[in-house]
């Protein structure tokens, strides 16, 4: 299964950008985008490449969903550990 994650551009340096993903920062390539994104814009990142720009509302909603899933997974893990 492939997963692309909405990420906020915080720095651009040529064909590379630093993005923020739920508080984590990483470097991604911008080479697949038709135009350079601006700082503060959201991009969809897959396998280290920004593959598409995203509208802020769409990106923020997707990130809320990811956060909810991660919290539910953590709760399930805690419940499983106490049952064993």
PDB file of N, CA and C in Angstrom:
ATOM      1  N   UNK A   1       0.841  -1.174   0.000  1.00  0.00           N
ATOM      2  CA  UNK A   1       0.000   0.000   0.000  1.00  0.00           C
ATOM      3  C   UNK A   1       0.888   1.240   0.000  1.00  0.00           C
ATOM      4  N   UNK A   2       0.538   2.209  -0.790  1.00  0.00           N
ATOM      5  CA  UNK A   2       1.263   3.470  -0.845  1.00  0.00           C
ATOM      6  C   UNK A   2       0.497   4.526  -0.056  1.00  0.00           C
ATOM      7  N   UNK A   3       1.237   5.411   0.566  1.00  0.00           N
ATOM      8  CA  UNK A   3       0.613   6.456   1.354  1.00  0.00           C
ATOM      9  C   UNK A   3       1.333   7.765   1.086  1.00  0.00           C
ATOM     10  N   UNK A   4       0.584   8.809   0.776  1.00  0.00           N
ATOM     11  CA  UNK A   4       1.140  10.148   0.603  1.00  0.00           C
ATOM     12  C   UNK A   4       0.618  11.006   1.750  1.00  0.00           C
ATOM     13  N   UNK A   5       1.478  11.878   2.259  1.00  0.00           N
ATOM     14  CA  UNK A   5       1.154  12.641   3.465  1.00  0.00           C
ATOM     15  C   UNK A   5       1.175  14.138   3.167  1.00  0.00           C
ATOM     16  N   UNK A   6       0.130  14.857   3.579  1.00  0.00           N
ATOM     17  CA  UNK A   6       0.131  16.313   3.439  1.00  0.00           C
ATOM     18  C   UNK A   6       1.233  16.913   4.308  1.00  0.00           C
ATOM     19  N   UNK A   7       2.002  17.820   3.734  1.00  0.00           N
ATOM     20  CA  UNK A   7       3.138  18.415   4.439  1.00  0.00           C
ATOM     21  C   UNK A   7       3.205  19.900   4.127  1.00  0.00           C
ATOM     22  N   UNK A   8       3.550  20.687   5.143  1.00  0.00           N
ATOM     23  CA  UNK A   8       3.609  22.135   4.978  1.00  0.00           C
ATOM     24  C   UNK A   8       5.045  22.562   4.665  1.00  0.00           C
ATOM     25  N   UNK A   9       5.204  23.351   3.606  1.00  0.00           N
ATOM     26  CA  UNK A   9       6.517  23.857   3.200  1.00  0.00           C
ATOM     27  C   UNK A   9       6.969  24.907   4.214  1.00  0.00           C
ATOM     28  N   UNK A  10       8.163  24.710   4.792  1.00  0.00           N
ATOM     29  CA  UNK A  10       8.681  25.720   5.714  1.00  0.00           C
ATOM     30  C   UNK A  10       9.971  26.369   5.200  1.00  0.00           C
ATOM     31  N   UNK A  11      10.597  25.740   4.193  1.00  0.00           N
ATOM     32  CA  UNK A  11      11.796  26.313   3.602  1.00  0.00           C
ATOM     33  C   UNK A  11      11.979  25.729   2.206  1.00  0.00           C
ATOM     34  N   UNK A  12      12.402  26.559   1.270  1.00  0.00           N
ATOM     35  CA  UNK A  12      12.669  26.097  -0.098  1.00  0.00           C
ATOM     36  C   UNK A  12      14.106  26.455  -0.451  1.00  0.00           C
ATOM     37  N   UNK A  13      14.814  25.477  -1.013  1.00  0.00           N
ATOM     38  CA  UNK A  13      16.192  25.681  -1.452  1.00  0.00           C
ATOM     39  C   UNK A  13      16.376  24.973  -2.785  1.00  0.00           C
ATOM     40  N   UNK A  14      16.118  25.704  -3.862  1.00  0.00           N
ATOM     41  CA  UNK A  14      16.229  25.116  -5.194  1.00  0.00           C
ATOM     42  C   UNK A  14      15.168  24.055  -5.414  1.00  0.00           C
ATOM     43  N   UNK A  15      15.612  22.821  -5.722  1.00  0.00           N
ATOM     44  CA  UNK A  15      14.677  21.725  -5.959  1.00  0.00           C
ATOM     45  C   UNK A  15      14.381  20.919  -4.698  1.00  0.00           C
ATOM     46  N   UNK A  16      14.813  21.417  -3.545  1.00  0.00           N
ATOM     47  CA  UNK A  16      14.559  20.731  -2.278  1.00  0.00           C
ATOM     48  C   UNK A  16      13.771  21.663  -1.358  1.00  0.00           C
ATOM     49  N   UNK A  17      13.015  21.044  -0.459  1.00  0.00           N
ATOM     50  CA  UNK A  17      12.268  21.828   0.520  1.00  0.00           C
ATOM     51  C   UNK A  17      12.309  21.114   1.857  1.00  0.00           C
ATOM     52  N   UNK A  18      12.219  21.900   2.909  1.00  0.00           N
ATOM     53  CA  UNK A  18      12.012  21.355   4.245  1.00  0.00           C
ATOM     54  C   UNK A  18      10.521  21.463   4.503  1.00  0.00           C
ATOM     55  N   UNK A  19       9.931  20.346   4.929  1.00  0.00           N
ATOM     56  CA  UNK A  19       8.500  20.329   5.211  1.00  0.00           C
ATOM     57  C   UNK A  19       8.269  19.944   6.661  1.00  0.00           C
ATOM     58  N   UNK A  20       7.129  20.357   7.170  1.00  0.00           N
ATOM     59  CA  UNK A  20       6.684  19.980   8.503  1.00  0.00           C
ATOM     60  C   UNK A  20       5.535  19.003   8.347  1.00  0.00           C
ATOM     61  N   UNK A  21       5.681  17.852   8.987  1.00  0.00           N
ATOM     62  CA  UNK A  21       4.650  16.818   8.950  1.00  0.00           C
ATOM     63  C   UNK A  21       4.292  16.486  10.394  1.00  0.00           C
ATOM     64  N   UNK A  22       3.225  17.076  10.883  1.00  0.00           N
ATOM     65  CA  UNK A  22       2.752  16.826  12.240  1.00  0.00           C
ATOM     66  C   UNK A  22       3.862  17.022  13.273  1.00  0.00           C
ATOM     67  N   UNK A  23       4.642  18.091  13.094  1.00  0.00           N
ATOM     68  CA  UNK A  23       5.701  18.415  14.037  1.00  0.00           C
ATOM     69  C   UNK A  23       7.070  17.851  13.682  1.00  0.00           C
ATOM     70  N   UNK A  24       7.135  16.968  12.717  1.00  0.00           N
ATOM     71  CA  UNK A  24       8.411  16.419  12.268  1.00  0.00           C
ATOM     72  C   UNK A  24       8.859  17.147  11.012  1.00  0.00           C
ATOM     73  N   UNK A  25      10.144  17.378  10.911  1.00  0.00           N
ATOM     74  CA  UNK A  25      10.674  18.060   9.727  1.00  0.00           C
ATOM     75  C   UNK A  25      11.508  17.097   8.897  1.00  0.00           C
ATOM     76  N   UNK A  26      11.372  17.218   7.583  1.00  0.00           N
ATOM     77  CA  UNK A  26      12.177  16.383   6.690  1.00  0.00           C
ATOM     78  C   UNK A  26      12.403  17.107   5.386  1.00  0.00           C
ATOM     79  N   UNK A  27      13.397  16.654   4.647  1.00  0.00           N
ATOM     80  CA  UNK A  27      13.736  17.189   3.339  1.00  0.00           C
ATOM     81  C   UNK A  27      12.999  16.388   2.273  1.00  0.00           C
ATOM     82  N   UNK A  28      12.441  17.095   1.299  1.00  0.00           N
ATOM     83  CA  UNK A  28      11.775  16.432   0.177  1.00  0.00           C
ATOM     84  C   UNK A  28      12.187  17.098  -1.123  1.00  0.00           C
ATOM     85  N   UNK A  29      12.098  16.349  -2.193  1.00  0.00           N
ATOM     86  CA  UNK A  29      12.402  16.866  -3.520  1.00  0.00           C
ATOM     87  C   UNK A  29      11.166  17.541  -4.112  1.00  0.00           C
ATOM     88  N   UNK A  30      11.398  18.637  -4.802  1.00  0.00           N
ATOM     89  CA  UNK A  30      10.322  19.361  -5.499  1.00  0.00           C
ATOM     90  C   UNK A  30      10.349  19.111  -6.997  1.00  0.00           C
ATOM     91  N   UNK A  31      11.207  18.211  -7.450  1.00  0.00           N
ATOM     92  CA  UNK A  31      11.431  18.022  -8.883  1.00  0.00           C
ATOM     93  C   UNK A  31      10.201  17.557  -9.656  1.00  0.00           C
ATOM     94  N   UNK A  32       9.227  16.952  -9.005  1.00  0.00           N
ATOM     95  CA  UNK A  32       8.047  16.460  -9.715  1.00  0.00           C
ATOM     96  C   UNK A  32       6.927  17.493  -9.829  1.00  0.00           C
ATOM     97  N   UNK A  33       7.076  18.627  -9.158  1.00  0.00           N
ATOM     98  CA  UNK A  33       6.041  19.663  -9.226  1.00  0.00           C
ATOM     99  C   UNK A  33       6.251  20.553 -10.447  1.00  0.00           C
ATOM    100  N   UNK A  34       5.165  20.958 -11.096  1.00  0.00           N
ATOM    101  CA  UNK A  34       5.301  21.816 -12.275  1.00  0.00           C
ATOM    102  C   UNK A  34       5.758  23.233 -11.933  1.00  0.00           C
ATOM    103  N   UNK A  35       5.491  23.674 -10.699  1.00  0.00           N
ATOM    104  CA  UNK A  35       5.931  25.000 -10.266  1.00  0.00           C
ATOM    105  C   UNK A  35       6.370  24.933  -8.809  1.00  0.00           C
ATOM    106  N   UNK A  36       7.286  25.802  -8.445  1.00  0.00           N
ATOM    107  CA  UNK A  36       7.817  25.800  -7.088  1.00  0.00           C
ATOM    108  C   UNK A  36       6.763  26.274  -6.088  1.00  0.00           C
ATOM    109  N   UNK A  37       6.548  25.515  -5.021  1.00  0.00           N
ATOM    110  CA  UNK A  37       5.585  25.965  -4.008  1.00  0.00           C
ATOM    111  C   UNK A  37       6.198  27.082  -3.160  1.00  0.00           C
ATOM    112  N   UNK A  38       5.337  27.827  -2.521  1.00  0.00           N
ATOM    113  CA  UNK A  38       5.776  28.906  -1.648  1.00  0.00           C
ATOM    114  C   UNK A  38       5.773  28.430  -0.196  1.00  0.00           C
ATOM    115  N   UNK A  39       6.560  29.075   0.624  1.00  0.00           N
ATOM    116  CA  UNK A  39       6.576  28.771   2.052  1.00  0.00           C
ATOM    117  C   UNK A  39       5.164  28.970   2.595  1.00  0.00           C
ATOM    118  N   UNK A  40       4.719  27.998   3.393  1.00  0.00           N
ATOM    119  CA  UNK A  40       3.386  28.045   3.975  1.00  0.00           C
ATOM    120  C   UNK A  40       2.366  27.227   3.198  1.00  0.00           C
ATOM    121  N   UNK A  41       2.672  26.866   1.956  1.00  0.00           N
ATOM    122  CA  UNK A  41       1.753  26.041   1.169  1.00  0.00           C
ATOM    123  C   UNK A  41       1.908  24.577   1.565  1.00  0.00           C
ATOM    124  N   UNK A  42       0.882  23.805   1.260  1.00  0.00           N
ATOM    125  CA  UNK A  42       0.899  22.368   1.523  1.00  0.00           C
ATOM    126  C   UNK A  42       1.141  21.598   0.237  1.00  0.00           C
ATOM    127  N   UNK A  43       1.912  20.517   0.377  1.00  0.00           N
ATOM    128  CA  UNK A  43       2.136  19.598  -0.731  1.00  0.00           C
ATOM    129  C   UNK A  43       1.863  18.188  -0.237  1.00  0.00           C
ATOM    130  N   UNK A  44       1.548  17.318  -1.160  1.00  0.00           N
ATOM    131  CA  UNK A  44       1.355  15.906  -0.873  1.00  0.00           C
ATOM    132  C   UNK A  44       2.700  15.226  -1.122  1.00  0.00           C
ATOM    133  N   UNK A  45       3.228  14.527  -0.102  1.00  0.00           N
ATOM    134  CA  UNK A  45       4.565  13.932  -0.194  1.00  0.00           C
ATOM    135  C   UNK A  45       4.461  12.415  -0.191  1.00  0.00           C
ATOM    136  N   UNK A  46       5.154  11.811  -1.146  1.00  0.00           N
ATOM    137  CA  UNK A  46       5.230  10.348  -1.240  1.00  0.00           C
ATOM    138  C   UNK A  46       6.669   9.971  -1.566  1.00  0.00           C
ATOM    139  N   UNK A  47       7.233   9.073  -0.774  1.00  0.00           N
ATOM    140  CA  UNK A  47       8.576   8.527  -1.012  1.00  0.00           C
ATOM    141  C   UNK A  47       9.633   9.623  -1.199  1.00  0.00           C
ATOM    142  N   UNK A  48       9.515  10.698  -0.411  1.00  0.00           N
ATOM    143  CA  UNK A  48      10.514  11.750  -0.457  1.00  0.00           C
ATOM    144  C   UNK A  48      10.321  12.788  -1.539  1.00  0.00           C
ATOM    145  N   UNK A  49       9.213  12.700  -2.286  1.00  0.00           N
ATOM    146  CA  UNK A  49       8.930  13.648  -3.356  1.00  0.00           C
ATOM    147  C   UNK A  49       7.601  14.353  -3.112  1.00  0.00           C
ATOM    148  N   UNK A  50       7.586  15.669  -3.289  1.00  0.00           N
ATOM    149  CA  UNK A  50       6.327  16.408  -3.307  1.00  0.00           C
ATOM    150  C   UNK A  50       5.703  16.115  -4.664  1.00  0.00           C
ATOM    151  N   UNK A  51       4.489  15.561  -4.658  1.00  0.00           N
ATOM    152  CA  UNK A  51       3.883  15.139  -5.924  1.00  0.00           C
ATOM    153  C   UNK A  51       2.721  16.016  -6.368  1.00  0.00           C
ATOM    154  N   UNK A  52       2.217  16.868  -5.466  1.00  0.00           N
ATOM    155  CA  UNK A  52       1.080  17.705  -5.825  1.00  0.00           C
ATOM    156  C   UNK A  52       0.900  18.780  -4.756  1.00  0.00           C
ATOM    157  N   UNK A  53       0.447  19.959  -5.147  1.00  0.00           N
ATOM    158  CA  UNK A  53       0.062  20.979  -4.172  1.00  0.00           C
ATOM    159  C   UNK A  53      -1.317  20.637  -3.626  1.00  0.00           C
ATOM    160  N   UNK A  54      -1.604  21.100  -2.410  1.00  0.00           N
ATOM    161  CA  UNK A  54      -2.909  20.856  -1.784  1.00  0.00           C
ATOM    162  C   UNK A  54      -3.483  22.165  -1.259  1.00  0.00           C
ATOM    163  N   UNK A  55      -4.795  22.232  -1.250  1.00  0.00           N
ATOM    164  CA  UNK A  55      -5.469  23.357  -0.616  1.00  0.00           C
ATOM    165  C   UNK A  55      -5.295  23.220   0.901  1.00  0.00           C
ATOM    166  N   UNK A  56      -5.081  24.317   1.622  1.00  0.00           N
ATOM    167  CA  UNK A  56      -4.860  24.234   3.064  1.00  0.00           C
ATOM    168  C   UNK A  56      -5.968  23.500   3.826  1.00  0.00           C
ATOM    169  N   UNK A  57      -7.218  23.775   3.504  1.00  0.00           N
ATOM    170  CA  UNK A  57      -8.325  23.130   4.226  1.00  0.00           C
ATOM    171  C   UNK A  57      -8.303  21.617   4.017  1.00  0.00           C
ATOM    172  N   UNK A  58      -8.022  21.185   2.798  1.00  0.00           N
ATOM    173  CA  UNK A  58      -7.956  19.757   2.488  1.00  0.00           C
ATOM    174  C   UNK A  58      -6.787  19.095   3.228  1.00  0.00           C
ATOM    175  N   UNK A  59      -5.637  19.750   3.236  1.00  0.00           N
ATOM    176  CA  UNK A  59      -4.461  19.205   3.917  1.00  0.00           C
ATOM    177  C   UNK A  59      -4.696  19.121   5.421  1.00  0.00           C
ATOM    178  N   UNK A  60      -5.251  20.164   6.007  1.00  0.00           N
ATOM    179  CA  UNK A  60      -5.489  20.185   7.449  1.00  0.00           C
ATOM    180  C   UNK A  60      -6.506  19.130   7.858  1.00  0.00           C
ATOM    181  N   UNK A  61      -7.530  18.906   7.058  1.00  0.00           N
ATOM    182  CA  UNK A  61      -8.516  17.864   7.349  1.00  0.00           C
ATOM    183  C   UNK A  61      -7.867  16.475   7.280  1.00  0.00           C
ATOM    184  N   UNK A  62      -7.050  16.251   6.272  1.00  0.00           N
ATOM    185  CA  UNK A  62      -6.354  14.962   6.152  1.00  0.00           C
ATOM    186  C   UNK A  62      -5.441  14.736   7.351  1.00  0.00           C
ATOM    187  N   UNK A  63      -4.736  15.771   7.793  1.00  0.00           N
ATOM    188  CA  UNK A  63      -3.853  15.636   8.952  1.00  0.00           C
ATOM    189  C   UNK A  63      -4.639  15.359  10.229  1.00  0.00           C
ATOM    190  N   UNK A  64      -5.829  15.957  10.364  1.00  0.00           N
ATOM    191  CA  UNK A  64      -6.687  15.660  11.533  1.00  0.00           C
ATOM    192  C   UNK A  64      -7.097  14.187  11.515  1.00  0.00           C
ATOM    193  N   UNK A  65      -7.420  13.675  10.347  1.00  0.00           N
ATOM    194  CA  UNK A  65      -7.804  12.266  10.221  1.00  0.00           C
ATOM    195  C   UNK A  65      -6.628  11.361  10.586  1.00  0.00           C
ATOM    196  N   UNK A  66      -5.425  11.676  10.077  1.00  0.00           N
ATOM    197  CA  UNK A  66      -4.238  10.891  10.434  1.00  0.00           C
ATOM    198  C   UNK A  66      -4.032  10.893  11.944  1.00  0.00           C
ATOM    199  N   UNK A  67      -4.147  12.066  12.551  1.00  0.00           N
ATOM    200  CA  UNK A  67      -3.941  12.177  14.002  1.00  0.00           C
ATOM    201  C   UNK A  67      -4.953  11.331  14.762  1.00  0.00           C
ATOM    202  N   UNK A  68      -6.198  11.352  14.328  1.00  0.00           N
ATOM    203  CA  UNK A  68      -7.238  10.536  14.969  1.00  0.00           C
ATOM    204  C   UNK A  68      -6.908   9.049  14.835  1.00  0.00           C
ATOM    205  N   UNK A  69      -6.490   8.630  13.661  1.00  0.00           N
ATOM    206  CA  UNK A  69      -6.127   7.221  13.444  1.00  0.00           C
ATOM    207  C   UNK A  69      -4.973   6.827  14.346  1.00  0.00           C
ATOM    208  N   UNK A  70      -3.935   7.676  14.437  1.00  0.00           N
ATOM    209  CA  UNK A  70      -2.777   7.362  15.275  1.00  0.00           C
ATOM    210  C   UNK A  70      -3.169   7.245  16.744  1.00  0.00           C
ATOM    211  N   UNK A  71      -4.050   8.125  17.211  1.00  0.00           N
ATOM    212  CA  UNK A  71      -4.504   8.061  18.606  1.00  0.00           C
ATOM    213  C   UNK A  71      -5.278   6.767  18.864  1.00  0.00           C
ATOM    214  N   UNK A  72      -6.149   6.404  17.922  1.00  0.00           N
ATOM    215  CA  UNK A  72      -6.912   5.164  18.075  1.00  0.00           C
ATOM    216  C   UNK A  72      -5.996   3.945  18.068  1.00  0.00           C
ATOM    217  N   UNK A  73      -4.975   3.967  17.223  1.00  0.00           N
ATOM    218  CA  UNK A  73      -4.026   2.856  17.185  1.00  0.00           C
ATOM    219  C   UNK A  73      -3.264   2.753  18.512  1.00  0.00           C
ATOM    220  N   UNK A  74      -2.883   3.883  19.065  1.00  0.00           N
ATOM    221  CA  UNK A  74      -2.173   3.891  20.345  1.00  0.00           C
ATOM    222  C   UNK A  74      -3.062   3.342  21.460  1.00  0.00           C
ATOM    223  N   UNK A  75      -4.339   3.719  21.454  1.00  0.00           N
ATOM    224  CA  UNK A  75      -5.274   3.199  22.450  1.00  0.00           C
ATOM    225  C   UNK A  75      -5.440   1.687  22.318  1.00  0.00           C
ATOM    226  N   UNK A  76      -5.555   1.211  21.092  1.00  0.00           N
ATOM    227  CA  UNK A  76      -5.673  -0.230  20.863  1.00  0.00           C
ATOM    228  C   UNK A  76      -4.424  -0.954  21.347  1.00  0.00           C
ATOM    229  N   UNK A  77      -3.271  -0.365  21.120  1.00  0.00           N
ATOM    230  CA  UNK A  77      -2.013  -0.963  21.568  1.00  0.00           C
ATOM    231  C   UNK A  77      -1.994  -1.053  23.094  1.00  0.00           C
ATOM    232  N   UNK A  78      -2.404   0.031  23.778  1.00  0.00           N
ATOM    233  CA  UNK A  78      -2.448   0.031  25.247  1.00  0.00           C
ATOM    234  C   UNK A  78      -3.419  -1.036  25.750  1.00  0.00           C
ATOM    235  N   UNK A  79      -4.594  -1.125  25.116  1.00  0.00           N
ATOM    236  CA  UNK A  79      -5.584  -2.107  25.532  1.00  0.00           C
ATOM    237  C   UNK A  79      -5.088  -3.529  25.308  1.00  0.00           C
ATOM    238  N   UNK A  80      -4.408  -3.753  24.208  1.00  0.00           N
ATOM    239  CA  UNK A  80      -3.884  -5.071  23.903  1.00  0.00           C
ATOM    240  C   UNK A  80      -2.809  -5.446  24.921  1.00  0.00           C
ATOM    241  N   UNK A  81      -1.959  -4.512  25.285  1.00  0.00           N
ATOM    242  CA  UNK A  81      -0.887  -4.781  26.252  1.00  0.00           C
ATOM    243  C   UNK A  81      -1.432  -5.119  27.631  1.00  0.00           C
ATOM    244  N   UNK A  82      -2.538  -4.473  28.023  1.00  0.00           N
ATOM    245  CA  UNK A  82      -3.100  -4.770  29.343  1.00  0.00           C
ATOM    246  C   UNK A  82      -3.865  -6.089  29.360  1.00  0.00           C
ATOM    247  N   UNK A  83      -4.312  -6.554  28.198  1.00  0.00           N
ATOM    248  CA  UNK A  83      -5.044  -7.819  28.132  1.00  0.00           C
ATOM    249  C   UNK A  83      -4.100  -9.020  28.127  1.00  0.00           C
ATOM    250  N   UNK A  84      -2.880  -8.812  27.700  1.00  0.00           N
ATOM    251  CA  UNK A  84      -1.938  -9.940  27.577  1.00  0.00           C
ATOM    252  C   UNK A  84      -1.300 -10.272  28.900  1.00  0.00           C
TER     253      UNK A  84
END
